[in-house]
């Protein structure tokens, strides 16, 4: 099952997508939260590949949108850092950096 929502972060909007347990029961959800300049991604997705493609990507863990936005980031690409994402940020702060 796929869940897609528009999430409002103060004056910015992002699109959240969850693919429920793509590996089957007992597996984590695959989560992507997209801004117009980049995205937050879960551990299912590959930060090294995002770097290779020049994406502004931020790695954040969590089982749902609220958790991903509340949790501290685990890593980022060079492009995300150029847009203002910094170590120690939470997902919500990082997501705002990835929006105009």
PDB file of N, CA and C in Angstrom:
ATOM      1  N   UNK A   1       0.835  -1.176   0.000  1.00  0.00           N
ATOM      2  CA  UNK A   1       0.000   0.000   0.000  1.00  0.00           C
ATOM      3  C   UNK A   1       0.887   1.250   0.000  1.00  0.00           C
ATOM      4  N   UNK A   2       0.483   2.254  -0.737  1.00  0.00           N
ATOM      5  CA  UNK A   2       1.215   3.512  -0.811  1.00  0.00           C
ATOM      6  C   UNK A   2       0.340   4.626  -0.247  1.00  0.00           C
ATOM      7  N   UNK A   3       0.937   5.433   0.625  1.00  0.00           N
ATOM      8  CA  UNK A   3       0.253   6.576   1.227  1.00  0.00           C
ATOM      9  C   UNK A   3       0.982   7.839   0.782  1.00  0.00           C
ATOM     10  N   UNK A   4       0.242   8.810   0.252  1.00  0.00           N
ATOM     11  CA  UNK A   4       0.824  10.078  -0.184  1.00  0.00           C
ATOM     12  C   UNK A   4       0.065  11.204   0.499  1.00  0.00           C
ATOM     13  N   UNK A   5       0.814  12.148   1.104  1.00  0.00           N
ATOM     14  CA  UNK A   5       0.198  13.279   1.795  1.00  0.00           C
ATOM     15  C   UNK A   5       0.969  14.557   1.501  1.00  0.00           C
ATOM     16  N   UNK A   6       0.271  15.673   1.505  1.00  0.00           N
ATOM     17  CA  UNK A   6       0.915  16.977   1.507  1.00  0.00           C
ATOM     18  C   UNK A   6       1.101  17.370   2.962  1.00  0.00           C
ATOM     19  N   UNK A   7       2.321  17.737   3.307  1.00  0.00           N
ATOM     20  CA  UNK A   7       2.665  18.108   4.673  1.00  0.00           C
ATOM     21  C   UNK A   7       3.051  19.573   4.678  1.00  0.00           C
ATOM     22  N   UNK A   8       2.464  20.337   5.602  1.00  0.00           N
ATOM     23  CA  UNK A   8       2.777  21.762   5.724  1.00  0.00           C
ATOM     24  C   UNK A   8       3.786  21.966   6.846  1.00  0.00           C
ATOM     25  N   UNK A   9       4.875  22.635   6.537  1.00  0.00           N
ATOM     26  CA  UNK A   9       5.926  22.969   7.496  1.00  0.00           C
ATOM     27  C   UNK A   9       6.011  24.483   7.566  1.00  0.00           C
ATOM     28  N   UNK A  10       5.309  25.079   8.511  1.00  0.00           N
ATOM     29  CA  UNK A  10       5.182  26.534   8.587  1.00  0.00           C
ATOM     30  C   UNK A  10       4.598  27.035   7.269  1.00  0.00           C
ATOM     31  N   UNK A  11       5.369  27.779   6.475  1.00  0.00           N
ATOM     32  CA  UNK A  11       4.845  28.328   5.221  1.00  0.00           C
ATOM     33  C   UNK A  11       5.279  27.512   4.001  1.00  0.00           C
ATOM     34  N   UNK A  12       5.864  26.339   4.230  1.00  0.00           N
ATOM     35  CA  UNK A  12       6.352  25.509   3.133  1.00  0.00           C
ATOM     36  C   UNK A  12       5.564  24.206   3.063  1.00  0.00           C
ATOM     37  N   UNK A  13       5.454  23.663   1.863  1.00  0.00           N
ATOM     38  CA  UNK A  13       4.746  22.391   1.671  1.00  0.00           C
ATOM     39  C   UNK A  13       5.693  21.368   1.056  1.00  0.00           C
ATOM     40  N   UNK A  14       5.592  20.141   1.548  1.00  0.00           N
ATOM     41  CA  UNK A  14       6.357  19.024   1.013  1.00  0.00           C
ATOM     42  C   UNK A  14       5.389  17.874   0.750  1.00  0.00           C
ATOM     43  N   UNK A  15       5.821  16.934  -0.053  1.00  0.00           N
ATOM     44  CA  UNK A  15       5.001  15.754  -0.312  1.00  0.00           C
ATOM     45  C   UNK A  15       5.634  14.549   0.367  1.00  0.00           C
ATOM     46  N   UNK A  16       4.848  13.869   1.173  1.00  0.00           N
ATOM     47  CA  UNK A  16       5.315  12.668   1.842  1.00  0.00           C
ATOM     48  C   UNK A  16       4.763  11.435   1.163  1.00  0.00           C
ATOM     49  N   UNK A  17       5.621  10.436   0.986  1.00  0.00           N
ATOM     50  CA  UNK A  17       5.215   9.167   0.409  1.00  0.00           C
ATOM     51  C   UNK A  17       5.711   8.036   1.306  1.00  0.00           C
ATOM     52  N   UNK A  18       4.810   7.138   1.657  1.00  0.00           N
ATOM     53  CA  UNK A  18       5.174   5.943   2.418  1.00  0.00           C
ATOM     54  C   UNK A  18       4.758   4.725   1.605  1.00  0.00           C
ATOM     55  N   UNK A  19       5.690   3.811   1.417  1.00  0.00           N
ATOM     56  CA  UNK A  19       5.379   2.497   0.874  1.00  0.00           C
ATOM     57  C   UNK A  19       5.390   1.567   2.082  1.00  0.00           C
ATOM     58  N   UNK A  20       4.234   1.039   2.434  1.00  0.00           N
ATOM     59  CA  UNK A  20       4.082   0.213   3.630  1.00  0.00           C
ATOM     60  C   UNK A  20       4.819  -1.117   3.472  1.00  0.00           C
ATOM     61  N   UNK A  21       5.762  -1.359   4.370  1.00  0.00           N
ATOM     62  CA  UNK A  21       6.489  -2.629   4.479  1.00  0.00           C
ATOM     63  C   UNK A  21       6.740  -3.313   3.134  1.00  0.00           C
ATOM     64  N   UNK A  22       7.544  -2.674   2.243  1.00  0.00           N
ATOM     65  CA  UNK A  22       7.741  -3.261   0.921  1.00  0.00           C
ATOM     66  C   UNK A  22       8.370  -4.653   0.954  1.00  0.00           C
ATOM     67  N   UNK A  23       9.072  -4.988   2.024  1.00  0.00           N
ATOM     68  CA  UNK A  23       9.679  -6.315   2.124  1.00  0.00           C
ATOM     69  C   UNK A  23       8.759  -7.346   2.747  1.00  0.00           C
ATOM     70  N   UNK A  24       7.554  -6.923   3.107  1.00  0.00           N
ATOM     71  CA  UNK A  24       6.594  -7.832   3.726  1.00  0.00           C
ATOM     72  C   UNK A  24       6.403  -7.530   5.202  1.00  0.00           C
ATOM     73  N   UNK A  25       5.529  -8.265   5.819  1.00  0.00           N
ATOM     74  CA  UNK A  25       5.208  -8.057   7.224  1.00  0.00           C
ATOM     75  C   UNK A  25       6.469  -8.130   8.084  1.00  0.00           C
ATOM     76  N   UNK A  26       6.577  -7.187   9.008  1.00  0.00           N
ATOM     77  CA  UNK A  26       7.741  -7.138   9.882  1.00  0.00           C
ATOM     78  C   UNK A  26       8.880  -6.296   9.353  1.00  0.00           C
ATOM     79  N   UNK A  27       8.785  -5.831   8.116  1.00  0.00           N
ATOM     80  CA  UNK A  27       9.805  -4.968   7.530  1.00  0.00           C
ATOM     81  C   UNK A  27       9.424  -3.502   7.754  1.00  0.00           C
ATOM     82  N   UNK A  28      10.398  -2.603   7.768  1.00  0.00           N
ATOM     83  CA  UNK A  28      10.079  -1.186   7.935  1.00  0.00           C
ATOM     84  C   UNK A  28       9.429  -0.597   6.687  1.00  0.00           C
ATOM     85  N   UNK A  29       8.819   0.547   6.877  1.00  0.00           N
ATOM     86  CA  UNK A  29       8.237   1.289   5.757  1.00  0.00           C
ATOM     87  C   UNK A  29       9.338   1.996   4.973  1.00  0.00           C
ATOM     88  N   UNK A  30       9.099   2.239   3.689  1.00  0.00           N
ATOM     89  CA  UNK A  30       9.982   3.058   2.865  1.00  0.00           C
ATOM     90  C   UNK A  30       9.364   4.458   2.838  1.00  0.00           C
ATOM     91  N   UNK A  31      10.138   5.462   3.238  1.00  0.00           N
ATOM     92  CA  UNK A  31       9.585   6.809   3.384  1.00  0.00           C
ATOM     93  C   UNK A  31      10.424   7.814   2.599  1.00  0.00           C
ATOM     94  N   UNK A  32       9.741   8.721   1.910  1.00  0.00           N
ATOM     95  CA  UNK A  32      10.360   9.810   1.169  1.00  0.00           C
ATOM     96  C   UNK A  32       9.532  11.065   1.421  1.00  0.00           C
ATOM     97  N   UNK A  33      10.194  12.151   1.791  1.00  0.00           N
ATOM     98  CA  UNK A  33       9.527  13.440   1.958  1.00  0.00           C
ATOM     99  C   UNK A  33      10.226  14.411   1.017  1.00  0.00           C
ATOM    100  N   UNK A  34       9.484  14.874  -0.008  1.00  0.00           N
ATOM    101  CA  UNK A  34      10.070  15.668  -1.082  1.00  0.00           C
ATOM    102  C   UNK A  34       9.732  17.145  -0.972  1.00  0.00           C
ATOM    103  N   UNK A  35      10.777  17.968  -1.012  1.00  0.00           N
ATOM    104  CA  UNK A  35      10.618  19.397  -1.217  1.00  0.00           C
ATOM    105  C   UNK A  35      10.919  19.677  -2.677  1.00  0.00           C
ATOM    106  N   UNK A  36      10.830  20.922  -3.089  1.00  0.00           N
ATOM    107  CA  UNK A  36      11.095  21.209  -4.508  1.00  0.00           C
ATOM    108  C   UNK A  36      12.589  21.275  -4.832  1.00  0.00           C
ATOM    109  N   UNK A  37      13.460  21.275  -3.806  1.00  0.00           N
ATOM    110  CA  UNK A  37      14.907  21.314  -4.038  1.00  0.00           C
ATOM    111  C   UNK A  37      15.615  20.013  -3.663  1.00  0.00           C
ATOM    112  N   UNK A  38      14.930  19.131  -2.944  1.00  0.00           N
ATOM    113  CA  UNK A  38      15.555  17.890  -2.511  1.00  0.00           C
ATOM    114  C   UNK A  38      14.596  17.077  -1.658  1.00  0.00           C
ATOM    115  N   UNK A  39      15.123  16.075  -0.952  1.00  0.00           N
ATOM    116  CA  UNK A  39      14.239  15.172  -0.228  1.00  0.00           C
ATOM    117  C   UNK A  39      14.894  14.568   1.008  1.00  0.00           C
ATOM    118  N   UNK A  40      14.030  14.169   1.946  1.00  0.00           N
ATOM    119  CA  UNK A  40      14.421  13.345   3.082  1.00  0.00           C
ATOM    120  C   UNK A  40      14.134  11.911   2.677  1.00  0.00           C
ATOM    121  N   UNK A  41      15.001  10.993   3.087  1.00  0.00           N
ATOM    122  CA  UNK A  41      14.797   9.599   2.730  1.00  0.00           C
ATOM    123  C   UNK A  41      15.107   8.710   3.914  1.00  0.00           C
ATOM    124  N   UNK A  42      14.514   7.538   3.903  1.00  0.00           N
ATOM    125  CA  UNK A  42      14.767   6.544   4.945  1.00  0.00           C
ATOM    126  C   UNK A  42      15.974   5.702   4.550  1.00  0.00           C
ATOM    127  N   UNK A  43      16.344   4.785   5.418  1.00  0.00           N
ATOM    128  CA  UNK A  43      17.496   3.928   5.180  1.00  0.00           C
ATOM    129  C   UNK A  43      17.343   2.935   4.043  1.00  0.00           C
ATOM    130  N   UNK A  44      16.120   2.739   3.549  1.00  0.00           N
ATOM    131  CA  UNK A  44      15.923   1.872   2.385  1.00  0.00           C
ATOM    132  C   UNK A  44      16.607   2.464   1.153  1.00  0.00           C
ATOM    133  N   UNK A  45      16.690   3.783   1.117  1.00  0.00           N
ATOM    134  CA  UNK A  45      17.245   4.462  -0.054  1.00  0.00           C
ATOM    135  C   UNK A  45      18.729   4.730   0.182  1.00  0.00           C
ATOM    136  N   UNK A  46      19.481   4.953  -0.863  1.00  0.00           N
ATOM    137  CA  UNK A  46      20.935   4.947  -0.813  1.00  0.00           C
ATOM    138  C   UNK A  46      21.522   6.350  -0.887  1.00  0.00           C
ATOM    139  N   UNK A  47      22.156   6.789   0.207  1.00  0.00           N
ATOM    140  CA  UNK A  47      22.745   8.121   0.263  1.00  0.00           C
ATOM    141  C   UNK A  47      23.906   8.259  -0.727  1.00  0.00           C
ATOM    142  N   UNK A  48      24.704   7.212  -0.887  1.00  0.00           N
ATOM    143  CA  UNK A  48      25.825   7.265  -1.838  1.00  0.00           C
ATOM    144  C   UNK A  48      25.323   7.450  -3.274  1.00  0.00           C
ATOM    145  N   UNK A  49      24.232   6.785  -3.621  1.00  0.00           N
ATOM    146  CA  UNK A  49      23.667   6.956  -4.965  1.00  0.00           C
ATOM    147  C   UNK A  49      23.135   8.372  -5.137  1.00  0.00           C
ATOM    148  N   UNK A  50      22.476   8.901  -4.106  1.00  0.00           N
ATOM    149  CA  UNK A  50      21.970  10.277  -4.176  1.00  0.00           C
ATOM    150  C   UNK A  50      23.124  11.263  -4.381  1.00  0.00           C
ATOM    151  N   UNK A  51      24.229  11.030  -3.706  1.00  0.00           N
ATOM    152  CA  UNK A  51      25.424  11.873  -3.876  1.00  0.00           C
ATOM    153  C   UNK A  51      25.936  11.772  -5.308  1.00  0.00           C
ATOM    154  N   UNK A  52      26.025  10.578  -5.822  1.00  0.00           N
ATOM    155  CA  UNK A  52      26.515  10.342  -7.189  1.00  0.00           C
ATOM    156  C   UNK A  52      25.687  11.096  -8.224  1.00  0.00           C
ATOM    157  N   UNK A  53      24.361  11.138  -8.003  1.00  0.00           N
ATOM    158  CA  UNK A  53      23.467  11.817  -8.953  1.00  0.00           C
ATOM    159  C   UNK A  53      23.357  13.316  -8.708  1.00  0.00           C
ATOM    160  N   UNK A  54      24.014  13.823  -7.659  1.00  0.00           N
ATOM    161  CA  UNK A  54      23.986  15.251  -7.373  1.00  0.00           C
ATOM    162  C   UNK A  54      22.707  15.715  -6.699  1.00  0.00           C
ATOM    163  N   UNK A  55      21.988  14.784  -6.072  1.00  0.00           N
ATOM    164  CA  UNK A  55      20.736  15.133  -5.390  1.00  0.00           C
ATOM    165  C   UNK A  55      21.002  15.814  -4.048  1.00  0.00           C
ATOM    166  N   UNK A  56      20.070  16.651  -3.642  1.00  0.00           N
ATOM    167  CA  UNK A  56      20.051  17.198  -2.287  1.00  0.00           C
ATOM    168  C   UNK A  56      19.209  16.234  -1.462  1.00  0.00           C
ATOM    169  N   UNK A  57      19.878  15.338  -0.748  1.00  0.00           N
ATOM    170  CA  UNK A  57      19.184  14.281  -0.018  1.00  0.00           C
ATOM    171  C   UNK A  57      19.667  14.237   1.426  1.00  0.00           C
ATOM    172  N   UNK A  58      18.738  13.903   2.318  1.00  0.00           N
ATOM    173  CA  UNK A  58      19.028  13.817   3.745  1.00  0.00           C
ATOM    174  C   UNK A  58      18.491  12.478   4.253  1.00  0.00           C
ATOM    175  N   UNK A  59      19.314  11.750   4.980  1.00  0.00           N
ATOM    176  CA  UNK A  59      18.932  10.460   5.550  1.00  0.00           C
ATOM    177  C   UNK A  59      18.390  10.668   6.962  1.00  0.00           C
ATOM    178  N   UNK A  60      17.166  10.181   7.196  1.00  0.00           N
ATOM    179  CA  UNK A  60      16.512  10.290   8.498  1.00  0.00           C
ATOM    180  C   UNK A  60      15.740   8.999   8.749  1.00  0.00           C
ATOM    181  N   UNK A  61      15.848   8.470   9.960  1.00  0.00           N
ATOM    182  CA  UNK A  61      15.111   7.271  10.306  1.00  0.00           C
ATOM    183  C   UNK A  61      13.739   7.589  10.869  1.00  0.00           C
ATOM    184  N   UNK A  62      12.843   6.642  10.781  1.00  0.00           N
ATOM    185  CA  UNK A  62      11.507   6.794  11.351  1.00  0.00           C
ATOM    186  C   UNK A  62      10.515   5.909  10.640  1.00  0.00           C
ATOM    187  N   UNK A  63       9.457   5.534  11.351  1.00  0.00           N
ATOM    188  CA  UNK A  63       8.456   4.620  10.800  1.00  0.00           C
ATOM    189  C   UNK A  63       7.287   5.325  10.137  1.00  0.00           C
ATOM    190  N   UNK A  64       7.180   6.662  10.329  1.00  0.00           N
ATOM    191  CA  UNK A  64       6.089   7.436   9.738  1.00  0.00           C
ATOM    192  C   UNK A  64       6.557   8.872   9.532  1.00  0.00           C
ATOM    193  N   UNK A  65       5.697   9.702   8.946  1.00  0.00           N
ATOM    194  CA  UNK A  65       6.089  11.082   8.644  1.00  0.00           C
ATOM    195  C   UNK A  65       6.478  11.851   9.898  1.00  0.00           C
ATOM    196  N   UNK A  66       5.685  11.729  10.968  1.00  0.00           N
ATOM    197  CA  UNK A  66       5.972  12.467  12.205  1.00  0.00           C
ATOM    198  C   UNK A  66       7.345  12.106  12.755  1.00  0.00           C
ATOM    199  N   UNK A  67       7.660  10.817  12.758  1.00  0.00           N
ATOM    200  CA  UNK A  67       8.959  10.381  13.277  1.00  0.00           C
ATOM    201  C   UNK A  67      10.105  10.901  12.417  1.00  0.00           C
ATOM    202  N   UNK A  68       9.969  10.809  11.097  1.00  0.00           N
ATOM    203  CA  UNK A  68      11.027  11.292  10.206  1.00  0.00           C
ATOM    204  C   UNK A  68      11.247  12.793  10.402  1.00  0.00           C
ATOM    205  N   UNK A  69      10.185  13.534  10.582  1.00  0.00           N
ATOM    206  CA  UNK A  69      10.317  14.979  10.776  1.00  0.00           C
ATOM    207  C   UNK A  69      10.845  15.333  12.164  1.00  0.00           C
ATOM    208  N   UNK A  70      10.647  14.468  13.146  1.00  0.00           N
ATOM    209  CA  UNK A  70      11.084  14.728  14.524  1.00  0.00           C
ATOM    210  C   UNK A  70      12.490  14.215  14.824  1.00  0.00           C
ATOM    211  N   UNK A  71      12.917  13.186  14.136  1.00  0.00           N
ATOM    212  CA  UNK A  71      14.202  12.551  14.434  1.00  0.00           C
ATOM    213  C   UNK A  71      15.379  13.360  13.915  1.00  0.00           C
ATOM    214  N   UNK A  72      16.538  13.187  14.554  1.00  0.00           N
ATOM    215  CA  UNK A  72      17.751  13.843  14.043  1.00  0.00           C
ATOM    216  C   UNK A  72      18.189  13.201  12.736  1.00  0.00           C
ATOM    217  N   UNK A  73      18.785  13.999  11.881  1.00  0.00           N
ATOM    218  CA  UNK A  73      19.267  13.463  10.611  1.00  0.00           C
ATOM    219  C   UNK A  73      20.472  12.570  10.862  1.00  0.00           C
ATOM    220  N   UNK A  74      20.680  11.616   9.952  1.00  0.00           N
ATOM    221  CA  UNK A  74      21.790  10.665  10.069  1.00  0.00           C
ATOM    222  C   UNK A  74      22.878  10.922   9.040  1.00  0.00           C
ATOM    223  N   UNK A  75      22.571  11.705   8.033  1.00  0.00           N
ATOM    224  CA  UNK A  75      23.542  11.990   6.985  1.00  0.00           C
ATOM    225  C   UNK A  75      22.917  12.864   5.916  1.00  0.00           C
ATOM    226  N   UNK A  76      23.760  13.386   5.033  1.00  0.00           N
ATOM    227  CA  UNK A  76      23.285  14.260   3.963  1.00  0.00           C
ATOM    228  C   UNK A  76      24.273  14.251   2.819  1.00  0.00           C
ATOM    229  N   UNK A  77      23.808  14.654   1.657  1.00  0.00           N
ATOM    230  CA  UNK A  77      24.690  14.805   0.510  1.00  0.00           C
ATOM    231  C   UNK A  77      25.319  16.197   0.541  1.00  0.00           C
ATOM    232  N   UNK A  78      26.339  16.360  -0.283  1.00  0.00           N
ATOM    233  CA  UNK A  78      27.009  17.655  -0.408  1.00  0.00           C
ATOM    234  C   UNK A  78      26.021  18.732  -0.823  1.00  0.00           C
ATOM    235  N   UNK A  79      25.139  18.417  -1.759  1.00  0.00           N
ATOM    236  CA  UNK A  79      24.149  19.383  -2.259  1.00  0.00           C
ATOM    237  C   UNK A  79      23.200  19.813  -1.141  1.00  0.00           C
ATOM    238  N   UNK A  80      22.791  18.895  -0.275  1.00  0.00           N
ATOM    239  CA  UNK A  80      21.919  19.241   0.846  1.00  0.00           C
ATOM    240  C   UNK A  80      22.641  20.199   1.787  1.00  0.00           C
ATOM    241  N   UNK A  81      23.917  19.945   2.043  1.00  0.00           N
ATOM    242  CA  UNK A  81      24.699  20.834   2.899  1.00  0.00           C
ATOM    243  C   UNK A  81      24.790  22.231   2.284  1.00  0.00           C
ATOM    244  N   UNK A  82      24.950  22.296   0.970  1.00  0.00           N
ATOM    245  CA  UNK A  82      25.003  23.593   0.277  1.00  0.00           C
ATOM    246  C   UNK A  82      23.699  24.372   0.430  1.00  0.00           C
ATOM    247  N   UNK A  83      22.581  23.660   0.617  1.00  0.00           N
ATOM    248  CA  UNK A  83      21.277  24.309   0.785  1.00  0.00           C
ATOM    249  C   UNK A  83      20.990  24.670   2.248  1.00  0.00           C
ATOM    250  N   UNK A  84      21.954  24.386   3.144  1.00  0.00           N
ATOM    251  CA  UNK A  84      21.808  24.791   4.531  1.00  0.00           C
ATOM    252  C   UNK A  84      21.551  23.696   5.536  1.00  0.00           C
ATOM    253  N   UNK A  85      21.479  22.453   5.098  1.00  0.00           N
ATOM    254  CA  UNK A  85      21.292  21.340   6.041  1.00  0.00           C
ATOM    255  C   UNK A  85      22.587  21.165   6.826  1.00  0.00           C
ATOM    256  N   UNK A  86      22.450  21.012   8.155  1.00  0.00           N
ATOM    257  CA  UNK A  86      23.615  20.877   9.021  1.00  0.00           C
ATOM    258  C   UNK A  86      23.457  19.679   9.945  1.00  0.00           C
ATOM    259  N   UNK A  87      24.575  19.080  10.329  1.00  0.00           N
ATOM    260  CA  UNK A  87      24.542  17.992  11.306  1.00  0.00           C
ATOM    261  C   UNK A  87      23.871  18.497  12.571  1.00  0.00           C
ATOM    262  N   UNK A  88      23.109  17.641  13.210  1.00  0.00           N
ATOM    263  CA  UNK A  88      22.402  18.012  14.429  1.00  0.00           C
ATOM    264  C   UNK A  88      20.981  18.485  14.186  1.00  0.00           C
ATOM    265  N   UNK A  89      20.644  18.788  12.934  1.00  0.00           N
ATOM    266  CA  UNK A  89      19.271  19.199  12.617  1.00  0.00           C
ATOM    267  C   UNK A  89      18.324  18.020  12.769  1.00  0.00           C
ATOM    268  N   UNK A  90      17.078  18.329  12.970  1.00  0.00           N
ATOM    269  CA  UNK A  90      16.013  17.331  12.933  1.00  0.00           C
ATOM    270  C   UNK A  90      15.434  17.342  11.516  1.00  0.00           C
ATOM    271  N   UNK A  91      14.680  16.319  11.189  1.00  0.00           N
ATOM    272  CA  UNK A  91      14.117  16.202   9.852  1.00  0.00           C
ATOM    273  C   UNK A  91      13.310  17.409   9.422  1.00  0.00           C
ATOM    274  N   UNK A  92      12.509  17.955  10.327  1.00  0.00           N
ATOM    275  CA  UNK A  92      11.667  19.117  10.007  1.00  0.00           C
ATOM    276  C   UNK A  92      12.518  20.301   9.551  1.00  0.00           C
ATOM    277  N   UNK A  93      13.591  20.596  10.279  1.00  0.00           N
ATOM    278  CA  UNK A  93      14.459  21.714   9.911  1.00  0.00           C
ATOM    279  C   UNK A  93      15.127  21.463   8.564  1.00  0.00           C
ATOM    280  N   UNK A  94      15.596  20.230   8.375  1.00  0.00           N
ATOM    281  CA  UNK A  94      16.245  19.884   7.114  1.00  0.00           C
ATOM    282  C   UNK A  94      15.284  19.986   5.945  1.00  0.00           C
ATOM    283  N   UNK A  95      14.045  19.518   6.139  1.00  0.00           N
ATOM    284  CA  UNK A  95      13.041  19.584   5.069  1.00  0.00           C
ATOM    285  C   UNK A  95      12.797  21.025   4.636  1.00  0.00           C
ATOM    286  N   UNK A  96      12.780  21.938   5.573  1.00  0.00           N
ATOM    287  CA  UNK A  96      12.577  23.354   5.234  1.00  0.00           C
ATOM    288  C   UNK A  96      13.703  23.884   4.360  1.00  0.00           C
ATOM    289  N   UNK A  97      14.924  23.395   4.574  1.00  0.00           N
ATOM    290  CA  UNK A  97      16.065  23.809   3.752  1.00  0.00           C
ATOM    291  C   UNK A  97      15.923  23.315   2.308  1.00  0.00           C
ATOM    292  N   UNK A  98      15.120  22.281   2.114  1.00  0.00           N
ATOM    293  CA  UNK A  98      14.973  21.676   0.793  1.00  0.00           C
ATOM    294  C   UNK A  98      13.749  22.206   0.046  1.00  0.00           C
ATOM    295  N   UNK A  99      13.230  23.339   0.504  1.00  0.00           N
ATOM    296  CA  UNK A  99      12.090  24.003  -0.129  1.00  0.00           C
ATOM    297  C   UNK A  99      12.477  25.440  -0.450  1.00  0.00           C
ATOM    298  N   UNK A 100      11.830  25.983  -1.492  1.00  0.00           N
ATOM    299  CA  UNK A 100      12.037  27.411  -1.820  1.00  0.00           C
ATOM    300  C   UNK A 100      11.290  28.270  -0.834  1.00  0.00           C
TER     301      UNK A 100
END
